C-alpha atoms as a PDB file:
ATOM      1  CA  MET A   1     -10.814 -42.025 -22.518  1.00  0.00           C
ATOM      2  CA  VAL A   2      -9.036 -38.558 -22.009  1.00  0.00           C
ATOM      3  CA  THR A   3      -9.985 -35.639 -24.244  1.00  0.00           C
ATOM      4  CA  GLU A   4      -7.282 -33.496 -26.307  1.00  0.00           C
ATOM      5  CA  ALA A   5      -8.463 -30.300 -24.456  1.00  0.00           C
ATOM      6  CA  GLN A   6      -7.871 -32.131 -20.854  1.00  0.00           C
ATOM      7  CA  GLN A   7      -4.543 -33.450 -21.896  1.00  0.00           C
ATOM      8  CA  ASN A   8      -3.386 -29.732 -23.031  1.00  0.00           C
ATOM      9  CA  ALA A   9      -4.759 -27.819 -20.093  1.00  0.00           C
ATOM     10  CA  THR A  10      -2.542 -25.821 -17.822  1.00  0.00           C
ATOM     11  CA  PHE A  11      -3.029 -26.256 -14.136  1.00  0.00           C
ATOM     12  CA  TYR A  12      -1.298 -23.996 -11.828  1.00  0.00           C
ATOM     13  CA  GLN A  13      -0.235 -25.277  -8.318  1.00  0.00           C
ATOM     14  CA  TYR A  14       0.743 -22.569  -5.984  1.00  0.00           C
ATOM     15  CA  GLN A  15       2.312 -23.379  -2.533  1.00  0.00           C
ATOM     16  CA  LEU A  16       1.750 -21.331   0.350  1.00  0.00           C
ATOM     17  CA  ILE A  17       5.279 -20.100   1.514  1.00  0.00           C
ATOM     18  CA  LYS A  18       4.101 -17.583   4.332  1.00  0.00           C
ATOM     19  CA  LYS A  19       0.689 -16.523   5.550  1.00  0.00           C
ATOM     20  CA  TRP A  20       0.139 -14.354   8.391  1.00  0.00           C
ATOM     21  CA  PRO A  21      -3.017 -12.794  10.095  1.00  0.00           C
ATOM     22  CA  VAL A  22      -3.981  -9.264  10.304  1.00  0.00           C
ATOM     23  CA  THR A  23      -4.467  -8.972  13.976  1.00  0.00           C
ATOM     24  CA  ARG A  24      -6.926  -6.722  16.105  1.00  0.00           C
ATOM     25  CA  MET A  25      -3.957  -5.416  17.890  1.00  0.00           C
ATOM     26  CA  TRP A  26      -2.109  -4.589  14.752  1.00  0.00           C
ATOM     27  CA  ASN A  27      -5.545  -2.567  13.885  1.00  0.00           C
ATOM     28  CA  TRP A  28      -5.730  -0.828  16.943  1.00  0.00           C
ATOM     29  CA  ILE A  29      -2.140   0.127  17.010  1.00  0.00           C
ATOM     30  CA  TYR A  30      -2.246   1.363  13.129  1.00  0.00           C
ATOM     31  CA  LEU A  31      -5.757   3.440  13.951  1.00  0.00           C
ATOM     32  CA  LEU A  32      -4.032   5.213  16.744  1.00  0.00           C
ATOM     33  CA  VAL A  33      -0.955   6.414  15.161  1.00  0.00           C
ATOM     34  CA  PRO A  34      -3.057   9.189  13.517  1.00  0.00           C
ATOM     35  CA  ILE A  35      -4.875   9.870  16.520  1.00  0.00           C
ATOM     36  CA  VAL A  36      -1.577  10.470  18.389  1.00  0.00           C
ATOM     37  CA  THR A  37       0.113  12.599  15.360  1.00  0.00           C
ATOM     38  CA  LEU A  38      -2.860  14.886  15.449  1.00  0.00           C
ATOM     39  CA  MET A  39      -2.473  15.531  19.010  1.00  0.00           C
ATOM     40  CA  ILE A  40       1.173  16.353  18.692  1.00  0.00           C
ATOM     41  CA  GLU A  41       0.454  18.417  16.059  1.00  0.00           C
ATOM     42  CA  LEU A  42      -2.387  20.396  18.034  1.00  0.00           C
ATOM     43  CA  TYR A  43       0.189  20.765  21.185  1.00  0.00           C
ATOM     44  CA  TYR A  44       3.083  22.186  19.369  1.00  0.00           C
ATOM     45  CA  PHE A  45       1.171  23.962  16.144  1.00  0.00           C
ATOM     46  CA  SER A  46      -2.429  25.699  16.202  1.00  0.00           C
ATOM     47  CA  TRP A  47      -6.005  24.591  16.014  1.00  0.00           C
ATOM     48  CA  SER A  48      -5.168  24.955  12.041  1.00  0.00           C
ATOM     49  CA  SER A  49      -3.675  21.450  12.462  1.00  0.00           C
ATOM     50  CA  ILE A  50      -7.029  19.700  12.397  1.00  0.00           C
ATOM     51  CA  GLY A  51      -7.747  21.392   9.076  1.00  0.00           C
ATOM     52  CA  PHE A  52      -4.371  20.439   7.462  1.00  0.00           C
ATOM     53  CA  TRP A  53      -4.784  16.895   9.150  1.00  0.00           C
ATOM     54  CA  LEU A  54      -8.015  16.264   7.569  1.00  0.00           C
ATOM     55  CA  LEU A  55      -7.171  18.137   3.949  1.00  0.00           C
ATOM     56  CA  SER A  56      -4.108  15.854   4.078  1.00  0.00           C
ATOM     57  CA  PHE A  57      -5.824  12.569   3.869  1.00  0.00           C
ATOM     58  CA  PRO A  58      -7.561  12.819   0.406  1.00  0.00           C
ATOM     59  CA  LEU A  59      -4.623  14.724  -0.998  1.00  0.00           C
ATOM     60  CA  VAL A  60      -1.854  11.902   0.236  1.00  0.00           C
ATOM     61  CA  LEU A  61      -4.757   9.235  -1.333  1.00  0.00           C
ATOM     62  CA  TRP A  62      -4.793  10.942  -4.453  1.00  0.00           C
ATOM     63  CA  ILE A  63      -0.608  11.634  -4.921  1.00  0.00           C
ATOM     64  CA  GLN A  64      -0.667   8.001  -4.300  1.00  0.00           C
ATOM     65  CA  TYR A  65      -3.353   6.920  -6.868  1.00  0.00           C
ATOM     66  CA  VAL A  66      -1.414   9.033  -9.467  1.00  0.00           C
ATOM     67  CA  ILE A  67       2.175   7.487  -8.678  1.00  0.00           C
ATOM     68  CA  SER A  68       0.782   3.750  -8.322  1.00  0.00           C
ATOM     69  CA  ARG A  69      -1.440   4.150 -11.456  1.00  0.00           C
ATOM     70  CA  SER A  70       1.317   5.778 -13.625  1.00  0.00           C
ATOM     71  CA  VAL A  71       4.112   3.177 -12.557  1.00  0.00           C
ATOM     72  CA  LEU A  72       1.473   0.428 -13.546  1.00  0.00           C
ATOM     73  CA  ILE A  73       1.105   1.606 -17.150  1.00  0.00           C
ATOM     74  CA  MET A  74       4.339   2.424 -17.676  1.00  0.00           C
ATOM     75  CA  THR A  75       5.752  -1.175 -16.602  1.00  0.00           C
ATOM     76  CA  VAL A  76       2.872  -3.526 -16.899  1.00  0.00           C
ATOM     77  CA  ASN A  77      -0.127  -1.948 -18.350  1.00  0.00           C
ATOM     78  CA  HIS A  78      -2.489  -4.920 -18.678  1.00  0.00           C
ATOM     79  CA  LEU A  79      -2.225  -5.621 -15.214  1.00  0.00           C
ATOM     80  CA  ARG A  80      -3.199  -2.276 -14.134  1.00  0.00           C
ATOM     81  CA  LYS A  81      -7.159  -3.734 -14.527  1.00  0.00           C
ATOM     82  CA  ARG A  82      -6.341  -6.166 -11.639  1.00  0.00           C
ATOM     83  CA  TRP A  83      -5.731  -3.042  -9.324  1.00  0.00           C
ATOM     84  CA  LYS A  84      -8.695  -0.761  -7.862  1.00  0.00           C
ATOM     85  CA  PHE A  85      -8.986   2.052  -5.125  1.00  0.00           C
ATOM     86  CA  GLN A  86      -9.869  -0.028  -1.990  1.00  0.00           C
ATOM     87  CA  ILE A  87     -11.096   1.164   1.627  1.00  0.00           C
ATOM     88  CA  GLN A  88     -10.612  -2.173   2.937  1.00  0.00           C
ATOM     89  CA  PHE A  89      -8.996  -1.752   6.432  1.00  0.00           C
ATOM     90  CA  PRO A  90      -5.646  -1.959   6.760  1.00  0.00           C
ATOM     91  CA  TRP A  91      -5.517  -1.833   2.872  1.00  0.00           C
ATOM     92  CA  ILE A  92      -6.550   1.863   2.155  1.00  0.00           C
ATOM     93  CA  GLY A  93      -5.621   3.271  -1.447  1.00  0.00           C
ATOM     94  CA  TYR A  94      -4.821   2.046  -4.877  1.00  0.00           C
ATOM     95  CA  LEU A  95      -3.959  -2.097  -4.417  1.00  0.00           C
ATOM     96  CA  PRO A  96      -4.309  -5.084  -6.034  1.00  0.00           C
ATOM     97  CA  ASP A  97      -7.779  -6.830  -5.677  1.00  0.00           C
ATOM     98  CA  GLN A  98      -6.643 -10.155  -6.833  1.00  0.00           C
ATOM     99  CA  PHE A  99      -3.487 -12.311  -6.845  1.00  0.00           C
ATOM    100  CA  MET A 100      -0.478 -10.205  -7.687  1.00  0.00           C
ATOM    101  CA  GLY A 101       2.786 -10.658  -8.765  1.00  0.00           C
ATOM    102  CA  TYR A 102       5.343 -10.150  -6.049  1.00  0.00           C
ATOM    103  CA  SER A 103       7.744  -8.278  -8.056  1.00  0.00           C
ATOM    104  CA  THR A 104       5.101  -5.665  -9.341  1.00  0.00           C
ATOM    105  CA  PHE A 105       3.756  -5.269  -5.894  1.00  0.00           C
ATOM    106  CA  ARG A 106       7.176  -4.244  -4.767  1.00  0.00           C
ATOM    107  CA  ARG A 107       8.277  -2.075  -7.949  1.00  0.00           C
ATOM    108  CA  VAL A 108       4.780   0.034  -7.404  1.00  0.00           C
ATOM    109  CA  LEU A 109       5.135   0.355  -3.611  1.00  0.00           C
ATOM    110  CA  LEU A 110       8.740   1.644  -3.830  1.00  0.00           C
ATOM    111  CA  HIS A 111       7.793   3.867  -6.172  1.00  0.00           C
ATOM    112  CA  THR A 112       4.696   5.058  -4.446  1.00  0.00           C
ATOM    113  CA  THR A 113       6.733   5.349  -1.352  1.00  0.00           C
ATOM    114  CA  TRP A 114       9.871   7.382  -2.545  1.00  0.00           C
ATOM    115  CA  ILE A 115       8.076   9.481  -5.170  1.00  0.00           C
ATOM    116  CA  GLY A 116       5.604  10.398  -2.393  1.00  0.00           C
ATOM    117  CA  PHE A 117       8.612  11.414  -0.099  1.00  0.00           C
ATOM    118  CA  CYS A 118      10.012  13.703  -2.678  1.00  0.00           C
ATOM    119  CA  PHE A 119       6.861  15.083  -3.821  1.00  0.00           C
ATOM    120  CA  ALA A 120       6.113  15.941   0.160  1.00  0.00           C
ATOM    121  CA  ALA A 121       9.630  17.266   0.633  1.00  0.00           C
ATOM    122  CA  ILE A 122       9.178  19.816  -2.363  1.00  0.00           C
ATOM    123  CA  LEU A 123       6.050  20.758  -1.119  1.00  0.00           C
ATOM    124  CA  CYS A 124       7.442  21.376   2.290  1.00  0.00           C
ATOM    125  CA  MET A 125       9.421  24.476   1.136  1.00  0.00           C
ATOM    126  CA  TRP A 126       5.760  26.446   0.222  1.00  0.00           C
ATOM    127  CA  LEU A 127       3.314  24.873   2.592  1.00  0.00           C
ATOM    128  CA  PRO A 128       3.064  25.598   6.517  1.00  0.00           C
ATOM    129  CA  LEU A 129       5.136  23.134   8.767  1.00  0.00           C
ATOM    130  CA  ASP A 130       2.343  21.474  10.319  1.00  0.00           C
ATOM    131  CA  PHE A 131       0.462  20.817   6.886  1.00  0.00           C
ATOM    132  CA  SER A 132       3.796  19.474   5.589  1.00  0.00           C
ATOM    133  CA  ILE A 133       4.037  17.159   9.050  1.00  0.00           C
ATOM    134  CA  SER A 134       0.568  16.064   8.306  1.00  0.00           C
ATOM    135  CA  LEU A 135       0.999  15.122   4.472  1.00  0.00           C
ATOM    136  CA  VAL A 136       4.401  13.091   5.579  1.00  0.00           C
ATOM    137  CA  MET A 137       2.355  11.267   8.313  1.00  0.00           C
ATOM    138  CA  TRP A 138      -0.410  10.410   6.301  1.00  0.00           C
ATOM    139  CA  HIS A 139       1.727   9.149   3.248  1.00  0.00           C
ATOM    140  CA  ILE A 140       3.785   6.749   6.099  1.00  0.00           C
ATOM    141  CA  TRP A 141       0.759   5.754   7.304  1.00  0.00           C
ATOM    142  CA  PHE A 142      -0.938   4.381   4.023  1.00  0.00           C
ATOM    143  CA  CYS A 143       2.566   2.818   3.165  1.00  0.00           C
ATOM    144  CA  LEU A 144       3.183   1.105   6.624  1.00  0.00           C
ATOM    145  CA  PRO A 145       0.971  -2.089   6.081  1.00  0.00           C
ATOM    146  CA  ARG A 146       2.531  -2.637   2.617  1.00  0.00           C
ATOM    147  CA  LEU A 147       6.213  -1.818   3.746  1.00  0.00           C
ATOM    148  CA  ILE A 148       5.899  -4.315   6.683  1.00  0.00           C
ATOM    149  CA  ILE A 149       4.710  -7.105   3.692  1.00  0.00           C
ATOM    150  CA  LEU A 150       8.123  -5.941   2.098  1.00  0.00           C
ATOM    151  CA  LEU A 151      10.144  -6.735   5.218  1.00  0.00           C
ATOM    152  CA  ARG A 152       8.469  -9.993   5.937  1.00  0.00           C
ATOM    153  CA  LEU A 153       9.044 -11.020   2.486  1.00  0.00           C
ATOM    154  CA  PHE A 154      12.741  -9.687   1.907  1.00  0.00           C
ATOM    155  CA  ARG A 155      14.508 -12.904   2.044  1.00  0.00           C
ATOM    156  CA  LYS A 156      11.880 -15.119   0.125  1.00  0.00           C
ATOM    157  CA  ARG A 157      11.837 -15.617  -3.709  1.00  0.00           C
ATOM    158  CA  LYS A 158      10.600 -12.620  -5.645  1.00  0.00           C
ATOM    159  CA  ASP A 159       8.750 -14.709  -8.386  1.00  0.00           C
ATOM    160  CA  GLY A 160       5.985 -15.154  -5.998  1.00  0.00           C
ATOM    161  CA  ILE A 161       2.389 -13.739  -5.670  1.00  0.00           C
ATOM    162  CA  ILE A 162       0.673 -12.074  -2.840  1.00  0.00           C
ATOM    163  CA  LYS A 163      -3.000 -11.882  -1.721  1.00  0.00           C
ATOM    164  CA  LEU A 164      -4.104  -9.233   0.325  1.00  0.00           C
ATOM    165  CA  THR A 165      -7.347  -9.848   2.560  1.00  0.00           C
ATOM    166  CA  LYS A 166      -8.769  -8.023   5.335  1.00  0.00           C
ATOM    167  CA  GLU A 167      -8.174 -10.869   7.668  1.00  0.00           C
ATOM    168  CA  GLU A 168      -4.566 -12.168   6.332  1.00  0.00           C
ATOM    169  CA  VAL A 169      -1.727 -11.653   3.642  1.00  0.00           C
ATOM    170  CA  SER A 170      -0.592 -14.771   2.062  1.00  0.00           C
ATOM    171  CA  TYR A 171       2.489 -15.233  -0.286  1.00  0.00           C
ATOM    172  CA  TYR A 172       2.727 -18.129  -2.643  1.00  0.00           C
ATOM    173  CA  ILE A 173       5.116 -19.650  -5.135  1.00  0.00           C
ATOM    174  CA  GLN A 174       4.585 -21.661  -8.260  1.00  0.00           C
END
């Protein structure tokens, strides 16, 4: 005999559409980008580039955190509890820690990317050139793995959900 609660229960069935691993090769290449950028800055500028390079890292993380959190609060306030600050390579920054709607993920990422570039462009007028280059480099470096997700899912349905783990990225639809 089936109870009323069992009859009215909602079961969500998600179908895996795309799944790709985060490979070691990708991680090594991703780690080399800031080191190569620092070497280029040291070659073309002075030793002060090391200080600017180190200062830019937490500054860009903070700027991206403020932008992402603001976008979440203004658009879908109830979902901000699903996002947290993570240092889980290659996912560094304010990211979803659970399954997240692709459209929300996309909206937050695009706002963070463009507003971050605008902020760096405005600061570029008052900051030394090597500091500005460091800001832009770190901003691109933090956004790059997430932008690659958007590129891989460009022609897919926008109503899916995404799950980021250290080992892989999964995209599901209902």
